[in-house]
Amino acid sequence: MLNTKPKTYNELLITSRINVIPRHYSITNLQLEKAFNFLMENPDGTIMLSKDRMDFLDTKGSVIESHPVILNNSKINGITISKKEFYISEAYTYVSGSGSGYSGGSSNNNNNNNNNNNNNNNN
């Protein structure tokens, strides 16, 4: 967790975003400070965290610096942080199953039969 007391709105914004990282990753205070300083010094820079590293990217998406990290939360794939963007990429579990893919046919038939019976009774 960053122990920096924000003095401006930009510092508050960046600090709050950087302080989300330790909730999901094993990361040192030095790495958090480097991430904070990177975004303060590079207004258009981006930080991308994947399962095992934190990359500092320039405006073209080129990696300027990279740091090893450990993802502690299996429910996410990564985090993207910049002054303009904050995004947590959720991990999806795909479940395959067997089945015909057809459902509801008999229910529709019953509804149609009931409607037809009601219409016939009203005549």
N, C-alpha and C. Protein backbone atom coordinates (compact mmCIF):
# COMPACT_ATOMS: atom_id res chain seq x y z
N MET A 1 0.85 -1.17 0.00
CA MET A 1 0.00 0.00 0.00
C MET A 1 0.89 1.24 0.00
N LEU A 2 0.55 2.18 -0.87
CA LEU A 2 1.32 3.43 -0.93
C LEU A 2 1.03 4.27 0.31
N ASN A 3 2.06 4.81 0.89
CA ASN A 3 1.90 5.66 2.07
C ASN A 3 1.98 7.14 1.70
N THR A 4 1.86 7.43 0.41
CA THR A 4 1.93 8.80 -0.07
C THR A 4 0.62 9.51 0.22
N LYS A 5 0.70 10.74 0.75
CA LYS A 5 -0.50 11.55 0.94
C LYS A 5 -0.68 12.42 -0.29
N PRO A 6 -1.73 12.18 -1.06
CA PRO A 6 -1.94 12.94 -2.30
C PRO A 6 -2.15 14.42 -2.02
N LYS A 7 -1.55 15.24 -2.88
CA LYS A 7 -1.68 16.70 -2.75
C LYS A 7 -2.57 17.28 -3.85
N THR A 8 -2.72 16.53 -4.94
CA THR A 8 -3.53 16.99 -6.07
C THR A 8 -4.54 15.91 -6.43
N TYR A 9 -5.50 16.28 -7.27
CA TYR A 9 -6.48 15.31 -7.73
C TYR A 9 -5.80 14.18 -8.50
N ASN A 10 -4.82 14.51 -9.36
CA ASN A 10 -4.10 13.49 -10.13
C ASN A 10 -3.40 12.49 -9.21
N GLU A 11 -2.76 12.99 -8.17
CA GLU A 11 -2.09 12.11 -7.22
C GLU A 11 -3.10 11.22 -6.49
N LEU A 12 -4.24 11.78 -6.14
CA LEU A 12 -5.30 11.00 -5.49
C LEU A 12 -5.81 9.90 -6.41
N LEU A 13 -6.04 10.25 -7.67
CA LEU A 13 -6.52 9.27 -8.65
C LEU A 13 -5.53 8.13 -8.84
N ILE A 14 -4.27 8.48 -9.05
CA ILE A 14 -3.25 7.46 -9.27
C ILE A 14 -3.03 6.62 -8.01
N THR A 15 -2.99 7.26 -6.86
CA THR A 15 -2.79 6.53 -5.60
C THR A 15 -3.91 5.52 -5.38
N SER A 16 -5.15 5.94 -5.60
CA SER A 16 -6.27 5.02 -5.39
C SER A 16 -6.21 3.84 -6.35
N ARG A 17 -5.78 4.06 -7.57
CA ARG A 17 -5.68 2.97 -8.54
C ARG A 17 -4.51 2.05 -8.22
N ILE A 18 -3.38 2.61 -7.86
CA ILE A 18 -2.20 1.81 -7.52
C ILE A 18 -2.47 0.97 -6.28
N ASN A 19 -3.23 1.51 -5.33
CA ASN A 19 -3.50 0.78 -4.09
C ASN A 19 -4.44 -0.42 -4.27
N VAL A 20 -4.99 -0.59 -5.45
CA VAL A 20 -5.79 -1.78 -5.74
C VAL A 20 -4.88 -2.98 -6.02
N ILE A 21 -3.70 -2.73 -6.53
CA ILE A 21 -2.79 -3.80 -6.94
C ILE A 21 -2.52 -4.81 -5.81
N PRO A 22 -2.19 -4.37 -4.59
CA PRO A 22 -1.88 -5.35 -3.54
C PRO A 22 -3.06 -6.24 -3.13
N ARG A 23 -4.28 -5.86 -3.50
CA ARG A 23 -5.44 -6.71 -3.22
C ARG A 23 -5.42 -7.98 -4.06
N HIS A 24 -4.74 -7.92 -5.19
CA HIS A 24 -4.75 -9.04 -6.14
C HIS A 24 -3.37 -9.64 -6.40
N TYR A 25 -2.31 -8.93 -6.03
CA TYR A 25 -0.94 -9.36 -6.35
C TYR A 25 -0.03 -9.30 -5.12
N SER A 26 0.98 -10.18 -5.12
CA SER A 26 2.10 -10.03 -4.18
C SER A 26 3.07 -9.07 -4.85
N ILE A 27 3.28 -7.94 -4.21
CA ILE A 27 4.09 -6.88 -4.80
C ILE A 27 4.75 -6.09 -3.67
N THR A 28 5.96 -5.61 -3.92
CA THR A 28 6.69 -4.88 -2.89
C THR A 28 6.27 -3.41 -2.88
N ASN A 29 6.53 -2.74 -1.76
CA ASN A 29 6.27 -1.30 -1.68
C ASN A 29 7.11 -0.53 -2.68
N LEU A 30 8.34 -0.98 -2.91
CA LEU A 30 9.20 -0.33 -3.90
C LEU A 30 8.58 -0.41 -5.29
N GLN A 31 8.01 -1.57 -5.65
CA GLN A 31 7.36 -1.70 -6.95
C GLN A 31 6.13 -0.79 -7.05
N LEU A 32 5.38 -0.66 -5.96
CA LEU A 32 4.23 0.24 -5.96
C LEU A 32 4.66 1.69 -6.14
N GLU A 33 5.73 2.07 -5.47
CA GLU A 33 6.25 3.44 -5.61
C GLU A 33 6.73 3.69 -7.03
N LYS A 34 7.38 2.68 -7.63
CA LYS A 34 7.84 2.83 -9.02
C LYS A 34 6.64 3.00 -9.96
N ALA A 35 5.58 2.24 -9.71
CA ALA A 35 4.37 2.35 -10.54
C ALA A 35 3.75 3.73 -10.40
N PHE A 36 3.65 4.23 -9.18
CA PHE A 36 3.12 5.57 -8.93
C PHE A 36 3.97 6.62 -9.65
N ASN A 37 5.29 6.55 -9.46
CA ASN A 37 6.19 7.53 -10.09
C ASN A 37 6.12 7.46 -11.61
N PHE A 38 5.99 6.25 -12.16
CA PHE A 38 5.91 6.11 -13.60
C PHE A 38 4.69 6.86 -14.14
N LEU A 39 3.53 6.67 -13.51
CA LEU A 39 2.32 7.33 -14.01
C LEU A 39 2.37 8.85 -13.78
N MET A 40 3.02 9.29 -12.72
CA MET A 40 3.15 10.72 -12.48
C MET A 40 4.08 11.37 -13.51
N GLU A 41 5.14 10.67 -13.88
CA GLU A 41 6.12 11.22 -14.82
C GLU A 41 5.74 10.99 -16.28
N ASN A 42 4.83 10.07 -16.54
CA ASN A 42 4.41 9.73 -17.91
C ASN A 42 2.89 9.84 -17.99
N PRO A 43 2.37 11.03 -18.22
CA PRO A 43 0.92 11.25 -18.19
C PRO A 43 0.13 10.36 -19.14
N ASP A 44 0.75 9.94 -20.24
CA ASP A 44 0.06 9.07 -21.20
C ASP A 44 0.51 7.62 -21.09
N GLY A 45 1.28 7.30 -20.06
CA GLY A 45 1.77 5.93 -19.88
C GLY A 45 0.69 5.02 -19.31
N THR A 46 0.95 3.74 -19.42
CA THR A 46 0.00 2.72 -18.94
C THR A 46 0.77 1.63 -18.20
N ILE A 47 0.16 1.11 -17.17
CA ILE A 47 0.72 -0.04 -16.46
C ILE A 47 -0.21 -1.22 -16.71
N MET A 48 0.36 -2.33 -17.15
CA MET A 48 -0.42 -3.55 -17.37
C MET A 48 0.14 -4.66 -16.50
N LEU A 49 -0.72 -5.24 -15.71
CA LEU A 49 -0.34 -6.37 -14.87
C LEU A 49 -0.96 -7.63 -15.44
N SER A 50 -0.13 -8.65 -15.61
CA SER A 50 -0.62 -9.95 -16.07
C SER A 50 -0.47 -10.92 -14.91
N LYS A 51 -0.49 -12.19 -15.20
CA LYS A 51 -0.40 -13.18 -14.13
C LYS A 51 0.95 -13.19 -13.42
N ASP A 52 2.01 -12.77 -14.12
CA ASP A 52 3.32 -12.88 -13.51
C ASP A 52 4.23 -11.66 -13.67
N ARG A 53 3.71 -10.57 -14.26
CA ARG A 53 4.57 -9.40 -14.39
C ARG A 53 3.76 -8.10 -14.49
N MET A 54 4.46 -7.03 -14.19
CA MET A 54 3.90 -5.68 -14.29
C MET A 54 4.74 -4.93 -15.31
N ASP A 55 4.11 -4.49 -16.39
CA ASP A 55 4.81 -3.78 -17.46
C ASP A 55 4.44 -2.31 -17.46
N PHE A 56 5.44 -1.46 -17.64
CA PHE A 56 5.23 -0.03 -17.83
C PHE A 56 5.32 0.22 -19.33
N LEU A 57 4.25 0.76 -19.91
CA LEU A 57 4.16 0.95 -21.36
C LEU A 57 4.14 2.42 -21.72
N ASP A 58 4.78 2.74 -22.86
CA ASP A 58 4.72 4.11 -23.36
C ASP A 58 3.45 4.27 -24.19
N THR A 59 3.29 5.43 -24.82
CA THR A 59 2.07 5.72 -25.57
C THR A 59 1.87 4.80 -26.78
N LYS A 60 2.96 4.22 -27.27
CA LYS A 60 2.87 3.30 -28.42
C LYS A 60 2.63 1.87 -27.99
N GLY A 61 2.61 1.62 -26.69
CA GLY A 61 2.41 0.25 -26.19
C GLY A 61 3.69 -0.54 -26.04
N SER A 62 4.82 0.14 -26.21
CA SER A 62 6.11 -0.54 -26.04
C SER A 62 6.47 -0.61 -24.55
N VAL A 63 7.03 -1.76 -24.15
CA VAL A 63 7.41 -1.95 -22.75
C VAL A 63 8.67 -1.15 -22.45
N ILE A 64 8.57 -0.27 -21.46
CA ILE A 64 9.71 0.53 -21.02
C ILE A 64 10.43 -0.20 -19.90
N GLU A 65 9.65 -0.80 -19.01
CA GLU A 65 10.21 -1.46 -17.83
C GLU A 65 9.26 -2.60 -17.44
N SER A 66 9.82 -3.66 -16.89
CA SER A 66 9.00 -4.81 -16.48
C SER A 66 9.46 -5.30 -15.12
N HIS A 67 8.49 -5.71 -14.29
CA HIS A 67 8.78 -6.20 -12.94
C HIS A 67 8.02 -7.50 -12.69
N PRO A 68 8.65 -8.47 -12.05
CA PRO A 68 7.94 -9.71 -11.73
C PRO A 68 6.95 -9.48 -10.58
N VAL A 69 5.77 -10.06 -10.70
CA VAL A 69 4.76 -10.03 -9.65
C VAL A 69 4.10 -11.40 -9.58
N ILE A 70 3.34 -11.63 -8.54
CA ILE A 70 2.62 -12.90 -8.40
C ILE A 70 1.15 -12.60 -8.20
N LEU A 71 0.33 -13.13 -9.09
CA LEU A 71 -1.12 -12.96 -9.00
C LEU A 71 -1.67 -13.86 -7.90
N ASN A 72 -2.40 -13.28 -6.96
CA ASN A 72 -2.97 -14.04 -5.85
C ASN A 72 -4.46 -14.34 -6.03
N ASN A 73 -5.07 -13.75 -7.03
CA ASN A 73 -6.51 -13.85 -7.22
C ASN A 73 -6.80 -14.57 -8.53
N SER A 74 -7.30 -15.79 -8.45
CA SER A 74 -7.55 -16.57 -9.67
C SER A 74 -8.79 -16.09 -10.42
N LYS A 75 -9.51 -15.13 -9.87
CA LYS A 75 -10.72 -14.64 -10.53
C LYS A 75 -10.43 -13.53 -11.54
N ILE A 76 -9.17 -13.11 -11.63
CA ILE A 76 -8.82 -12.09 -12.61
C ILE A 76 -7.65 -12.55 -13.47
N ASN A 77 -7.53 -11.93 -14.65
CA ASN A 77 -6.39 -12.20 -15.54
C ASN A 77 -5.36 -11.09 -15.49
N GLY A 78 -5.79 -9.89 -15.08
CA GLY A 78 -4.86 -8.78 -15.05
C GLY A 78 -5.55 -7.47 -14.75
N ILE A 79 -4.73 -6.43 -14.69
CA ILE A 79 -5.21 -5.07 -14.40
C ILE A 79 -4.52 -4.10 -15.36
N THR A 80 -5.25 -3.13 -15.86
CA THR A 80 -4.71 -2.06 -16.68
C THR A 80 -4.94 -0.74 -15.95
N ILE A 81 -3.88 0.03 -15.79
CA ILE A 81 -3.98 1.29 -15.06
C ILE A 81 -3.29 2.40 -15.86
N SER A 82 -4.00 3.51 -16.01
CA SER A 82 -3.44 4.74 -16.56
C SER A 82 -4.21 5.89 -15.93
N LYS A 83 -3.88 7.12 -16.30
CA LYS A 83 -4.65 8.25 -15.78
C LYS A 83 -6.06 8.27 -16.36
N LYS A 84 -6.21 7.70 -17.55
CA LYS A 84 -7.51 7.72 -18.23
C LYS A 84 -8.30 6.44 -18.06
N GLU A 85 -7.64 5.37 -17.62
CA GLU A 85 -8.29 4.06 -17.64
C GLU A 85 -7.92 3.25 -16.41
N PHE A 86 -8.89 2.52 -15.91
CA PHE A 86 -8.65 1.54 -14.86
C PHE A 86 -9.56 0.36 -15.16
N TYR A 87 -8.94 -0.80 -15.38
CA TYR A 87 -9.71 -1.96 -15.80
C TYR A 87 -9.16 -3.22 -15.17
N ILE A 88 -10.05 -4.01 -14.57
CA ILE A 88 -9.67 -5.33 -14.05
C ILE A 88 -10.27 -6.36 -14.98
N SER A 89 -9.42 -7.17 -15.58
CA SER A 89 -9.84 -8.19 -16.52
C SER A 89 -10.20 -9.46 -15.76
N GLU A 90 -11.47 -9.82 -15.80
CA GLU A 90 -11.94 -11.00 -15.09
C GLU A 90 -11.58 -12.27 -15.84
N ALA A 91 -11.31 -13.32 -15.07
CA ALA A 91 -11.04 -14.64 -15.66
C ALA A 91 -12.37 -15.35 -15.83
N TYR A 92 -12.55 -15.98 -16.96
CA TYR A 92 -13.77 -16.72 -17.24
C TYR A 92 -13.46 -18.20 -17.28
N THR A 93 -14.34 -18.98 -16.69
CA THR A 93 -14.22 -20.42 -16.73
C THR A 93 -15.26 -20.94 -17.72
N TYR A 94 -14.78 -21.60 -18.73
CA TYR A 94 -15.68 -22.15 -19.72
C TYR A 94 -16.04 -23.58 -19.33
N VAL A 95 -17.33 -23.85 -19.29
CA VAL A 95 -17.80 -25.17 -18.91
C VAL A 95 -18.45 -25.79 -20.14
N SER A 96 -17.94 -26.96 -20.51
CA SER A 96 -18.57 -27.64 -21.62
C SER A 96 -19.46 -28.74 -21.06
N GLY A 97 -20.53 -28.97 -21.71
CA GLY A 97 -21.45 -30.00 -21.24
C GLY A 97 -22.10 -30.69 -22.40
N SER A 98 -22.73 -31.79 -22.12
CA SER A 98 -23.42 -32.50 -23.20
C SER A 98 -24.89 -32.18 -23.09
N GLY A 99 -25.54 -32.11 -24.19
CA GLY A 99 -26.95 -31.83 -24.24
C GLY A 99 -27.36 -31.53 -25.66
N SER A 100 -28.62 -31.57 -25.90
CA SER A 100 -29.10 -31.39 -27.25
C SER A 100 -29.14 -29.93 -27.66
N GLY A 101 -29.16 -29.03 -26.68
CA GLY A 101 -29.27 -27.62 -27.02
C GLY A 101 -30.70 -27.22 -27.30
N TYR A 102 -31.65 -28.13 -27.17
CA TYR A 102 -33.05 -27.85 -27.43
C TYR A 102 -33.80 -27.89 -26.12
N SER A 103 -34.49 -26.83 -25.81
CA SER A 103 -35.29 -26.84 -24.59
C SER A 103 -36.52 -26.00 -24.78
N GLY A 104 -37.53 -26.27 -24.02
CA GLY A 104 -38.73 -25.46 -24.03
C GLY A 104 -39.76 -25.83 -25.06
N GLY A 105 -39.52 -26.80 -25.87
CA GLY A 105 -40.48 -27.17 -26.91
C GLY A 105 -41.78 -27.67 -26.34
N SER A 106 -41.73 -28.54 -25.36
CA SER A 106 -42.97 -29.10 -24.82
C SER A 106 -43.74 -28.03 -24.07
N SER A 107 -43.07 -27.12 -23.44
CA SER A 107 -43.74 -26.04 -22.72
C SER A 107 -44.51 -25.17 -23.71
N ASN A 108 -43.89 -24.86 -24.84
CA ASN A 108 -44.57 -24.06 -25.85
C ASN A 108 -45.78 -24.81 -26.41
N ASN A 109 -45.63 -26.10 -26.62
CA ASN A 109 -46.74 -26.89 -27.12
C ASN A 109 -47.89 -26.87 -26.14
N ASN A 110 -47.60 -27.05 -24.86
CA ASN A 110 -48.65 -27.02 -23.85
C ASN A 110 -49.34 -25.67 -23.82
N ASN A 111 -48.58 -24.60 -23.91
CA ASN A 111 -49.19 -23.27 -23.92
C ASN A 111 -50.07 -23.10 -25.14
N ASN A 112 -49.62 -23.56 -26.30
CA ASN A 112 -50.42 -23.45 -27.51
C ASN A 112 -51.69 -24.27 -27.39
N ASN A 113 -51.59 -25.49 -26.85
CA ASN A 113 -52.78 -26.34 -26.68
C ASN A 113 -53.75 -25.69 -25.71
N ASN A 114 -53.24 -25.12 -24.62
CA ASN A 114 -54.12 -24.45 -23.67
C ASN A 114 -54.81 -23.26 -24.30
N ASN A 115 -54.07 -22.48 -25.08
CA ASN A 115 -54.67 -21.33 -25.76
C ASN A 115 -55.73 -21.80 -26.75
N ASN A 116 -55.45 -22.84 -27.50
CA ASN A 116 -56.44 -23.36 -28.45
C ASN A 116 -57.67 -23.86 -27.73
N ASN A 117 -57.51 -24.56 -26.64
CA ASN A 117 -58.66 -25.07 -25.87
C ASN A 117 -59.48 -23.91 -25.33
N ASN A 118 -58.82 -22.87 -24.83
CA ASN A 118 -59.54 -21.71 -24.30
C ASN A 118 -60.31 -21.02 -25.41
N ASN A 119 -59.69 -20.90 -26.59
CA ASN A 119 -60.37 -20.26 -27.71
C ASN A 119 -61.59 -21.09 -28.15
N ASN A 120 -61.45 -22.42 -28.16
CA ASN A 120 -62.56 -23.28 -28.57
C ASN A 120 -63.70 -23.21 -27.55
N ASN A 121 -63.38 -23.09 -26.27
CA ASN A 121 -64.41 -23.04 -25.24
C ASN A 121 -65.15 -21.71 -25.28
N ASN A 122 -64.52 -20.67 -25.74
CA ASN A 122 -65.16 -19.36 -25.78
C ASN A 122 -66.12 -19.21 -26.96
N ASN A 123 -66.04 -20.08 -27.94
CA ASN A 123 -66.89 -19.97 -29.13
C ASN A 123 -68.21 -20.61 -28.94
